[in-house]
């Protein structure tokens, strides 16, 4: 083997070792990130209650189908809608005052 062949092999080996080092660092970082996401998700607790003045249920196309809402401090309404978002049934009630 002549000197240029050995130099070529050394350069190629150096390049392969650098690429190997990069892949090791990248895979360790990805593993660390996935571990963090996994353990964060495992420790996250869903809220016990949800509070709002208005709830809207929609169908798969995003059309409003049911609403539950506070109209005022004394009035609540539960309403159903058809495919064209026309109200078909509404139940309202005045809340008792204390």
PDB file of N, CA and C in Angstrom:
ATOM      1  N   UNK A   1       0.841  -1.177   0.000  1.00  0.00           N
ATOM      2  CA  UNK A   1       0.000   0.000   0.000  1.00  0.00           C
ATOM      3  C   UNK A   1       0.885   1.238   0.000  1.00  0.00           C
ATOM      4  N   UNK A   2       0.531   2.163  -0.804  1.00  0.00           N
ATOM      5  CA  UNK A   2       1.320   3.390  -0.821  1.00  0.00           C
ATOM      6  C   UNK A   2       0.753   4.398   0.172  1.00  0.00           C
ATOM      7  N   UNK A   3       1.431   5.511   0.345  1.00  0.00           N
ATOM      8  CA  UNK A   3       1.088   6.507   1.358  1.00  0.00           C
ATOM      9  C   UNK A   3      -0.273   7.166   1.108  1.00  0.00           C
ATOM     10  N   UNK A   4      -0.645   7.411  -0.136  1.00  0.00           N
ATOM     11  CA  UNK A   4      -1.924   8.078  -0.420  1.00  0.00           C
ATOM     12  C   UNK A   4      -3.101   7.164  -0.080  1.00  0.00           C
ATOM     13  N   UNK A   5      -2.970   5.903  -0.263  1.00  0.00           N
ATOM     14  CA  UNK A   5      -4.039   4.968   0.075  1.00  0.00           C
ATOM     15  C   UNK A   5      -4.268   4.948   1.580  1.00  0.00           C
ATOM     16  N   UNK A   6      -3.195   4.950   2.348  1.00  0.00           N
ATOM     17  CA  UNK A   6      -3.318   4.960   3.803  1.00  0.00           C
ATOM     18  C   UNK A   6      -3.924   6.278   4.274  1.00  0.00           C
ATOM     19  N   UNK A   7      -3.504   7.400   3.700  1.00  0.00           N
ATOM     20  CA  UNK A   7      -4.064   8.706   4.065  1.00  0.00           C
ATOM     21  C   UNK A   7      -5.555   8.767   3.740  1.00  0.00           C
ATOM     22  N   UNK A   8      -5.915   8.215   2.599  1.00  0.00           N
ATOM     23  CA  UNK A   8      -7.324   8.183   2.210  1.00  0.00           C
ATOM     24  C   UNK A   8      -8.129   7.358   3.203  1.00  0.00           C
ATOM     25  N   UNK A   9      -7.610   6.214   3.587  1.00  0.00           N
ATOM     26  CA  UNK A   9      -8.299   5.361   4.564  1.00  0.00           C
ATOM     27  C   UNK A   9      -8.428   6.052   5.925  1.00  0.00           C
ATOM     28  N   UNK A  10      -7.391   6.753   6.346  1.00  0.00           N
ATOM     29  CA  UNK A  10      -7.425   7.475   7.626  1.00  0.00           C
ATOM     30  C   UNK A  10      -8.474   8.576   7.583  1.00  0.00           C
ATOM     31  N   UNK A  11      -8.540   9.335   6.485  1.00  0.00           N
ATOM     32  CA  UNK A  11      -9.549  10.396   6.364  1.00  0.00           C
ATOM     33  C   UNK A  11     -10.961   9.815   6.380  1.00  0.00           C
ATOM     34  N   UNK A  12     -11.147   8.721   5.661  1.00  0.00           N
ATOM     35  CA  UNK A  12     -12.473   8.105   5.629  1.00  0.00           C
ATOM     36  C   UNK A  12     -12.862   7.569   7.005  1.00  0.00           C
ATOM     37  N   UNK A  13     -11.912   6.976   7.713  1.00  0.00           N
ATOM     38  CA  UNK A  13     -12.173   6.464   9.052  1.00  0.00           C
ATOM     39  C   UNK A  13     -12.500   7.606  10.010  1.00  0.00           C
ATOM     40  N   UNK A  14     -11.795   8.726   9.915  1.00  0.00           N
ATOM     41  CA  UNK A  14     -12.092   9.893  10.744  1.00  0.00           C
ATOM     42  C   UNK A  14     -13.509  10.399  10.483  1.00  0.00           C
ATOM     43  N   UNK A  15     -13.883  10.458   9.205  1.00  0.00           N
ATOM     44  CA  UNK A  15     -15.227  10.922   8.858  1.00  0.00           C
ATOM     45  C   UNK A  15     -16.296   9.986   9.410  1.00  0.00           C
ATOM     46  N   UNK A  16     -16.076   8.684   9.294  1.00  0.00           N
ATOM     47  CA  UNK A  16     -17.035   7.705   9.814  1.00  0.00           C
ATOM     48  C   UNK A  16     -17.145   7.823  11.333  1.00  0.00           C
ATOM     49  N   UNK A  17     -16.032   8.027  12.020  1.00  0.00           N
ATOM     50  CA  UNK A  17     -16.060   8.170  13.474  1.00  0.00           C
ATOM     51  C   UNK A  17     -16.798   9.444  13.891  1.00  0.00           C
ATOM     52  N   UNK A  18     -16.627  10.542  13.146  1.00  0.00           N
ATOM     53  CA  UNK A  18     -17.350  11.779  13.451  1.00  0.00           C
ATOM     54  C   UNK A  18     -18.857  11.579  13.262  1.00  0.00           C
ATOM     55  N   UNK A  19     -19.215  10.939  12.147  1.00  0.00           N
ATOM     56  CA  UNK A  19     -20.634  10.678  11.905  1.00  0.00           C
ATOM     57  C   UNK A  19     -21.204   9.764  12.974  1.00  0.00           C
ATOM     58  N   UNK A  20     -20.468   8.768  13.388  1.00  0.00           N
ATOM     59  CA  UNK A  20     -20.906   7.854  14.430  1.00  0.00           C
ATOM     60  C   UNK A  20     -21.119   8.614  15.747  1.00  0.00           C
ATOM     61  N   UNK A  21     -20.220   9.509  16.084  1.00  0.00           N
ATOM     62  CA  UNK A  21     -20.340  10.323  17.297  1.00  0.00           C
ATOM     63  C   UNK A  21     -21.592  11.191  17.225  1.00  0.00           C
ATOM     64  N   UNK A  22     -21.827  11.806  16.047  1.00  0.00           N
ATOM     65  CA  UNK A  22     -23.013  12.656  15.874  1.00  0.00           C
ATOM     66  C   UNK A  22     -24.286  11.838  16.084  1.00  0.00           C
ATOM     67  N   UNK A  23     -24.359  10.637  15.504  1.00  0.00           N
ATOM     68  CA  UNK A  23     -25.542   9.793  15.656  1.00  0.00           C
ATOM     69  C   UNK A  23     -25.747   9.368  17.105  1.00  0.00           C
ATOM     70  N   UNK A  24     -24.663   9.101  17.816  1.00  0.00           N
ATOM     71  CA  UNK A  24     -24.781   8.734  19.232  1.00  0.00           C
ATOM     72  C   UNK A  24     -25.357   9.888  20.036  1.00  0.00           C
ATOM     73  N   UNK A  25     -24.856  11.090  19.807  1.00  0.00           N
ATOM     74  CA  UNK A  25     -25.347  12.263  20.538  1.00  0.00           C
ATOM     75  C   UNK A  25     -26.810  12.525  20.173  1.00  0.00           C
ATOM     76  N   UNK A  26     -27.146  12.461  18.896  1.00  0.00           N
ATOM     77  CA  UNK A  26     -28.525  12.718  18.450  1.00  0.00           C
ATOM     78  C   UNK A  26     -29.493  11.685  19.023  1.00  0.00           C
ATOM     79  N   UNK A  27     -29.109  10.414  19.013  1.00  0.00           N
ATOM     80  CA  UNK A  27     -30.010   9.385  19.544  1.00  0.00           C
ATOM     81  C   UNK A  27     -30.143   9.495  21.059  1.00  0.00           C
ATOM     82  N   UNK A  28     -29.088   9.870  21.763  1.00  0.00           N
ATOM     83  CA  UNK A  28     -29.183  10.075  23.213  1.00  0.00           C
ATOM     84  C   UNK A  28     -30.106  11.248  23.522  1.00  0.00           C
ATOM     85  N   UNK A  29     -29.998  12.321  22.749  1.00  0.00           N
ATOM     86  CA  UNK A  29     -30.891  13.466  22.938  1.00  0.00           C
ATOM     87  C   UNK A  29     -32.349  13.115  22.668  1.00  0.00           C
ATOM     88  N   UNK A  30     -32.579  12.350  21.611  1.00  0.00           N
ATOM     89  CA  UNK A  30     -33.946  11.942  21.285  1.00  0.00           C
ATOM     90  C   UNK A  30     -34.514  11.039  22.384  1.00  0.00           C
ATOM     91  N   UNK A  31     -33.705  10.137  22.887  1.00  0.00           N
ATOM     92  CA  UNK A  31     -34.140   9.254  23.966  1.00  0.00           C
ATOM     93  C   UNK A  31     -34.462  10.056  25.227  1.00  0.00           C
ATOM     94  N   UNK A  32     -33.629  11.034  25.539  1.00  0.00           N
ATOM     95  CA  UNK A  32     -33.870  11.891  26.693  1.00  0.00           C
ATOM     96  C   UNK A  32     -35.168  12.669  26.526  1.00  0.00           C
ATOM     97  N   UNK A  33     -35.399  13.217  25.346  1.00  0.00           N
ATOM     98  CA  UNK A  33     -36.624  13.970  25.083  1.00  0.00           C
ATOM     99  C   UNK A  33     -37.857  13.075  25.192  1.00  0.00           C
ATOM    100  N   UNK A  34     -37.808  11.885  24.602  1.00  0.00           N
ATOM    101  CA  UNK A  34     -38.940  10.959  24.683  1.00  0.00           C
ATOM    102  C   UNK A  34     -39.204  10.524  26.121  1.00  0.00           C
ATOM    103  N   UNK A  35     -38.147  10.299  26.879  1.00  0.00           N
ATOM    104  CA  UNK A  35     -38.312   9.927  28.285  1.00  0.00           C
ATOM    105  C   UNK A  35     -38.985  11.050  29.060  1.00  0.00           C
ATOM    106  N   UNK A  36     -38.563  12.276  28.791  1.00  0.00           N
ATOM    107  CA  UNK A  36     -39.161  13.430  29.454  1.00  0.00           C
ATOM    108  C   UNK A  36     -40.645  13.538  29.131  1.00  0.00           C
ATOM    109  N   UNK A  37     -40.993  13.393  27.857  1.00  0.00           N
ATOM    110  CA  UNK A  37     -42.397  13.482  27.449  1.00  0.00           C
ATOM    111  C   UNK A  37     -43.210  12.354  28.079  1.00  0.00           C
ATOM    112  N   UNK A  38     -42.667  11.151  28.101  1.00  0.00           N
ATOM    113  CA  UNK A  38     -43.368   9.997  28.678  1.00  0.00           C
ATOM    114  C   UNK A  38     -43.634  10.216  30.161  1.00  0.00           C
ATOM    115  N   UNK A  39     -42.604  10.601  30.916  1.00  0.00           N
ATOM    116  CA  UNK A  39     -42.775  10.761  32.357  1.00  0.00           C
ATOM    117  C   UNK A  39     -43.613  11.987  32.701  1.00  0.00           C
ATOM    118  N   UNK A  40     -43.544  13.024  31.893  1.00  0.00           N
ATOM    119  CA  UNK A  40     -44.393  14.184  32.111  1.00  0.00           C
ATOM    120  C   UNK A  40     -45.856  13.801  31.904  1.00  0.00           C
ATOM    121  N   UNK A  41     -46.125  13.032  30.857  1.00  0.00           N
ATOM    122  CA  UNK A  41     -47.497  12.581  30.599  1.00  0.00           C
ATOM    123  C   UNK A  41     -47.996  11.631  31.665  1.00  0.00           C
ATOM    124  N   UNK A  42     -47.114  10.823  32.220  1.00  0.00           N
ATOM    125  CA  UNK A  42     -47.516   9.863  33.246  1.00  0.00           C
ATOM    126  C   UNK A  42     -47.864  10.553  34.554  1.00  0.00           C
ATOM    127  N   UNK A  43     -47.275  11.705  34.819  1.00  0.00           N
ATOM    128  CA  UNK A  43     -47.534  12.393  36.081  1.00  0.00           C
ATOM    129  C   UNK A  43     -48.607  13.461  35.953  1.00  0.00           C
ATOM    130  N   UNK A  44     -49.053  13.797  34.738  1.00  0.00           N
ATOM    131  CA  UNK A  44     -50.059  14.829  34.548  1.00  0.00           C
ATOM    132  C   UNK A  44     -51.420  14.300  34.977  1.00  0.00           C
ATOM    133  N   UNK A  45     -52.122  15.071  35.771  1.00  0.00           N
ATOM    134  CA  UNK A  45     -53.450  14.693  36.247  1.00  0.00           C
ATOM    135  C   UNK A  45     -54.499  15.532  35.527  1.00  0.00           C
ATOM    136  N   UNK A  46     -55.555  14.890  35.113  1.00  0.00           N
ATOM    137  CA  UNK A  46     -56.663  15.601  34.475  1.00  0.00           C
ATOM    138  C   UNK A  46     -57.395  16.416  35.535  1.00  0.00           C
ATOM    139  N   UNK A  47     -57.935  17.574  35.154  1.00  0.00           N
ATOM    140  CA  UNK A  47     -58.664  18.375  36.136  1.00  0.00           C
ATOM    141  C   UNK A  47     -59.918  17.651  36.607  1.00  0.00           C
ATOM    142  N   UNK A  48     -60.283  17.885  37.845  1.00  0.00           N
ATOM    143  CA  UNK A  48     -61.448  17.229  38.422  1.00  0.00           C
ATOM    144  C   UNK A  48     -62.730  17.870  37.899  1.00  0.00           C
ATOM    145  N   UNK A  49     -62.687  19.165  37.665  1.00  0.00           N
ATOM    146  CA  UNK A  49     -63.878  19.848  37.163  1.00  0.00           C
ATOM    147  C   UNK A  49     -63.495  20.844  36.079  1.00  0.00           C
ATOM    148  N   UNK A  50     -64.471  21.148  35.246  1.00  0.00           N
ATOM    149  CA  UNK A  50     -64.302  22.140  34.187  1.00  0.00           C
ATOM    150  C   UNK A  50     -65.372  23.196  34.410  1.00  0.00           C
ATOM    151  N   UNK A  51     -64.966  24.464  34.371  1.00  0.00           N
ATOM    152  CA  UNK A  51     -65.921  25.550  34.593  1.00  0.00           C
ATOM    153  C   UNK A  51     -65.993  26.450  33.359  1.00  0.00           C
ATOM    154  N   UNK A  52     -67.210  26.829  33.028  1.00  0.00           N
ATOM    155  CA  UNK A  52     -67.404  27.730  31.910  1.00  0.00           C
ATOM    156  C   UNK A  52     -68.812  28.317  31.985  1.00  0.00           C
ATOM    157  N   UNK A  53     -69.039  29.387  31.235  1.00  0.00           N
ATOM    158  CA  UNK A  53     -70.385  29.951  31.142  1.00  0.00           C
ATOM    159  C   UNK A  53     -71.170  29.326  30.005  1.00  0.00           C
ATOM    160  N   UNK A  54     -70.455  28.674  29.080  1.00  0.00           N
ATOM    161  CA  UNK A  54     -71.126  28.113  27.905  1.00  0.00           C
ATOM    162  C   UNK A  54     -70.366  26.887  27.412  1.00  0.00           C
ATOM    163  N   UNK A  55     -71.094  25.806  27.142  1.00  0.00           N
ATOM    164  CA  UNK A  55     -70.534  24.590  26.557  1.00  0.00           C
ATOM    165  C   UNK A  55     -71.232  24.326  25.234  1.00  0.00           C
ATOM    166  N   UNK A  56     -70.468  23.988  24.216  1.00  0.00           N
ATOM    167  CA  UNK A  56     -71.019  23.708  22.889  1.00  0.00           C
ATOM    168  C   UNK A  56     -70.509  22.348  22.438  1.00  0.00           C
ATOM    169  N   UNK A  57     -71.427  21.452  22.077  1.00  0.00           N
ATOM    170  CA  UNK A  57     -71.063  20.175  21.480  1.00  0.00           C
ATOM    171  C   UNK A  57     -71.243  20.289  19.979  1.00  0.00           C
ATOM    172  N   UNK A  58     -70.241  19.836  19.220  1.00  0.00           N
ATOM    173  CA  UNK A  58     -70.309  19.920  17.764  1.00  0.00           C
ATOM    174  C   UNK A  58     -70.243  18.529  17.158  1.00  0.00           C
ATOM    175  N   UNK A  59     -70.704  18.413  15.914  1.00  0.00           N
ATOM    176  CA  UNK A  59     -70.599  17.140  15.211  1.00  0.00           C
ATOM    177  C   UNK A  59     -69.250  17.065  14.488  1.00  0.00           C
ATOM    178  N   UNK A  60     -69.062  16.012  13.697  1.00  0.00           N
ATOM    179  CA  UNK A  60     -67.773  15.808  13.011  1.00  0.00           C
ATOM    180  C   UNK A  60     -67.447  16.917  12.019  1.00  0.00           C
ATOM    181  N   UNK A  61     -68.469  17.566  11.473  1.00  0.00           N
ATOM    182  CA  UNK A  61     -68.252  18.657  10.526  1.00  0.00           C
ATOM    183  C   UNK A  61     -68.060  20.000  11.219  1.00  0.00           C
ATOM    184  N   UNK A  62     -68.129  20.026  12.542  1.00  0.00           N
ATOM    185  CA  UNK A  62     -67.917  21.257  13.288  1.00  0.00           C
ATOM    186  C   UNK A  62     -69.174  22.083  13.501  1.00  0.00           C
ATOM    187  N   UNK A  63     -70.327  21.523  13.152  1.00  0.00           N
ATOM    188  CA  UNK A  63     -71.582  22.254  13.338  1.00  0.00           C
ATOM    189  C   UNK A  63     -72.060  22.125  14.777  1.00  0.00           C
ATOM    190  N   UNK A  64     -72.580  23.208  15.311  1.00  0.00           N
ATOM    191  CA  UNK A  64     -73.126  23.233  16.670  1.00  0.00           C
ATOM    192  C   UNK A  64     -74.349  22.329  16.741  1.00  0.00           C
ATOM    193  N   UNK A  65     -74.376  21.399  17.715  1.00  0.00           N
ATOM    194  CA  UNK A  65     -75.518  20.496  17.852  1.00  0.00           C
ATOM    195  C   UNK A  65     -76.218  20.641  19.201  1.00  0.00           C
ATOM    196  N   UNK A  66     -75.468  20.938  20.274  1.00  0.00           N
ATOM    197  CA  UNK A  66     -76.049  21.094  21.607  1.00  0.00           C
ATOM    198  C   UNK A  66     -75.301  22.213  22.328  1.00  0.00           C
ATOM    199  N   UNK A  67     -76.051  23.037  23.067  1.00  0.00           N
ATOM    200  CA  UNK A  67     -75.415  24.056  23.911  1.00  0.00           C
ATOM    201  C   UNK A  67     -76.002  23.992  25.316  1.00  0.00           C
ATOM    202  N   UNK A  68     -75.158  24.299  26.266  1.00  0.00           N
ATOM    203  CA  UNK A  68     -75.578  24.472  27.653  1.00  0.00           C
ATOM    204  C   UNK A  68     -74.940  25.775  28.094  1.00  0.00           C
ATOM    205  N   UNK A  69     -75.778  26.745  28.484  1.00  0.00           N
ATOM    206  CA  UNK A  69     -75.221  28.062  28.765  1.00  0.00           C
ATOM    207  C   UNK A  69     -75.989  28.801  29.841  1.00  0.00           C
ATOM    208  N   UNK A  70     -75.290  29.726  30.472  1.00  0.00           N
ATOM    209  CA  UNK A  70     -75.897  30.656  31.429  1.00  0.00           C
ATOM    210  C   UNK A  70     -76.291  31.900  30.635  1.00  0.00           C
ATOM    211  N   UNK A  71     -77.561  32.226  30.624  1.00  0.00           N
ATOM    212  CA  UNK A  71     -78.028  33.417  29.912  1.00  0.00           C
ATOM    213  C   UNK A  71     -77.862  34.657  30.772  1.00  0.00           C
ATOM    214  N   UNK A  72     -78.025  34.503  32.061  1.00  0.00           N
ATOM    215  CA  UNK A  72     -77.820  35.584  33.025  1.00  0.00           C
ATOM    216  C   UNK A  72     -77.499  34.909  34.353  1.00  0.00           C
ATOM    217  N   UNK A  73     -77.399  35.680  35.404  1.00  0.00           N
ATOM    218  CA  UNK A  73     -77.134  35.079  36.710  1.00  0.00           C
ATOM    219  C   UNK A  73     -78.299  34.252  37.214  1.00  0.00           C
ATOM    220  N   UNK A  74     -79.481  34.447  36.603  1.00  0.00           N
ATOM    221  CA  UNK A  74     -80.679  33.747  37.063  1.00  0.00           C
ATOM    222  C   UNK A  74     -81.262  32.784  36.043  1.00  0.00           C
ATOM    223  N   UNK A  75     -80.649  32.651  34.857  1.00  0.00           N
ATOM    224  CA  UNK A  75     -81.270  31.846  33.795  1.00  0.00           C
ATOM    225  C   UNK A  75     -80.252  30.915  33.143  1.00  0.00           C
ATOM    226  N   UNK A  76     -80.647  29.644  32.965  1.00  0.00           N
ATOM    227  CA  UNK A  76     -79.809  28.653  32.297  1.00  0.00           C
ATOM    228  C   UNK A  76     -80.606  28.073  31.121  1.00  0.00           C
ATOM    229  N   UNK A  77     -79.898  27.723  30.017  1.00  0.00           N
ATOM    230  CA  UNK A  77     -80.585  27.176  28.844  1.00  0.00           C
ATOM    231  C   UNK A  77     -79.824  25.970  28.312  1.00  0.00           C
ATOM    232  N   UNK A  78     -80.577  24.946  27.934  1.00  0.00           N
ATOM    233  CA  UNK A  78     -80.064  23.732  27.306  1.00  0.00           C
ATOM    234  C   UNK A  78     -80.758  23.646  25.956  1.00  0.00           C
ATOM    235  N   UNK A  79     -79.994  23.696  24.832  1.00  0.00           N
ATOM    236  CA  UNK A  79     -80.616  23.766  23.506  1.00  0.00           C
ATOM    237  C   UNK A  79     -80.030  22.729  22.566  1.00  0.00           C
ATOM    238  N   UNK A  80     -80.893  22.196  21.690  1.00  0.00           N
ATOM    239  CA  UNK A  80     -80.499  21.232  20.663  1.00  0.00           C
ATOM    240  C   UNK A  80     -80.668  21.864  19.289  1.00  0.00           C
ATOM    241  N   UNK A  81     -79.787  21.496  18.343  1.00  0.00           N
ATOM    242  CA  UNK A  81     -79.803  22.064  16.993  1.00  0.00           C
ATOM    243  C   UNK A  81     -79.787  20.941  15.963  1.00  0.00           C
ATOM    244  N   UNK A  82     -80.360  21.202  14.774  1.00  0.00           N
ATOM    245  CA  UNK A  82     -80.325  20.209  13.698  1.00  0.00           C
ATOM    246  C   UNK A  82     -79.089  20.421  12.823  1.00  0.00           C
ATOM    247  N   UNK A  83     -79.026  19.709  11.671  1.00  0.00           N
ATOM    248  CA  UNK A  83     -77.854  19.784  10.788  1.00  0.00           C
ATOM    249  C   UNK A  83     -77.589  21.178  10.247  1.00  0.00           C
ATOM    250  N   UNK A  84     -78.637  21.976  10.121  1.00  0.00           N
ATOM    251  CA  UNK A  84     -78.462  23.334   9.595  1.00  0.00           C
ATOM    252  C   UNK A  84     -78.238  24.352  10.716  1.00  0.00           C
ATOM    253  N   UNK A  85     -78.013  23.863  11.911  1.00  0.00           N
ATOM    254  CA  UNK A  85     -77.785  24.672  13.105  1.00  0.00           C
ATOM    255  C   UNK A  85     -78.998  25.517  13.478  1.00  0.00           C
ATOM    256  N   UNK A  86     -80.186  25.004  13.123  1.00  0.00           N
ATOM    257  CA  UNK A  86     -81.425  25.632  13.527  1.00  0.00           C
ATOM    258  C   UNK A  86     -81.838  25.018  14.856  1.00  0.00           C
ATOM    259  N   UNK A  87     -82.184  25.855  15.804  1.00  0.00           N
ATOM    260  CA  UNK A  87     -82.560  25.356  17.129  1.00  0.00           C
ATOM    261  C   UNK A  87     -83.847  24.560  17.018  1.00  0.00           C
ATOM    262  N   UNK A  88     -83.848  23.315  17.508  1.00  0.00           N
ATOM    263  CA  UNK A  88     -85.028  22.461  17.431  1.00  0.00           C
ATOM    264  C   UNK A  88     -85.708  22.296  18.782  1.00  0.00           C
ATOM    265  N   UNK A  89     -84.935  22.402  19.863  1.00  0.00           N
ATOM    266  CA  UNK A  89     -85.505  22.267  21.199  1.00  0.00           C
ATOM    267  C   UNK A  89     -84.679  23.106  22.162  1.00  0.00           C
ATOM    268  N   UNK A  90     -85.371  23.810  23.023  1.00  0.00           N
ATOM    269  CA  UNK A  90     -84.670  24.624  24.011  1.00  0.00           C
ATOM    270  C   UNK A  90     -85.378  24.482  25.351  1.00  0.00           C
ATOM    271  N   UNK A  91     -84.608  24.216  26.372  1.00  0.00           N
ATOM    272  CA  UNK A  91     -85.148  24.122  27.726  1.00  0.00           C
ATOM    273  C   UNK A  91     -84.457  25.197  28.554  1.00  0.00           C
ATOM    274  N   UNK A  92     -85.244  26.125  29.073  1.00  0.00           N
ATOM    275  CA  UNK A  92     -84.692  27.208  29.889  1.00  0.00           C
ATOM    276  C   UNK A  92     -85.320  27.143  31.270  1.00  0.00           C
ATOM    277  N   UNK A  93     -84.549  27.596  32.231  1.00  0.00           N
ATOM    278  CA  UNK A  93     -85.065  27.588  33.605  1.00  0.00           C
ATOM    279  C   UNK A  93     -84.487  28.756  34.369  1.00  0.00           C
ATOM    280  N   UNK A  94     -85.354  29.418  35.082  1.00  0.00           N
ATOM    281  CA  UNK A  94     -84.894  30.471  35.976  1.00  0.00           C
ATOM    282  C   UNK A  94     -84.406  29.803  37.246  1.00  0.00           C
ATOM    283  N   UNK A  95     -83.200  30.130  37.643  1.00  0.00           N
ATOM    284  CA  UNK A  95     -82.618  29.522  38.820  1.00  0.00           C
ATOM    285  C   UNK A  95     -83.190  30.162  40.088  1.00  0.00           C
ATOM    286  N   UNK A  96     -83.382  29.360  41.107  1.00  0.00           N
ATOM    287  CA  UNK A  96     -83.903  29.944  42.358  1.00  0.00           C
ATOM    288  C   UNK A  96     -82.873  30.872  42.988  1.00  0.00           C
ATOM    289  N   UNK A  97     -83.356  31.944  43.577  1.00  0.00           N
ATOM    290  CA  UNK A  97     -82.458  32.872  44.272  1.00  0.00           C
ATOM    291  C   UNK A  97     -82.358  32.454  45.727  1.00  0.00           C
ATOM    292  N   UNK A  98     -81.247  32.758  46.324  1.00  0.00           N
ATOM    293  CA  UNK A  98     -81.061  32.352  47.730  1.00  0.00           C
ATOM    294  C   UNK A  98     -81.438  33.463  48.650  1.00  0.00           C
TER     295      UNK A  98
END
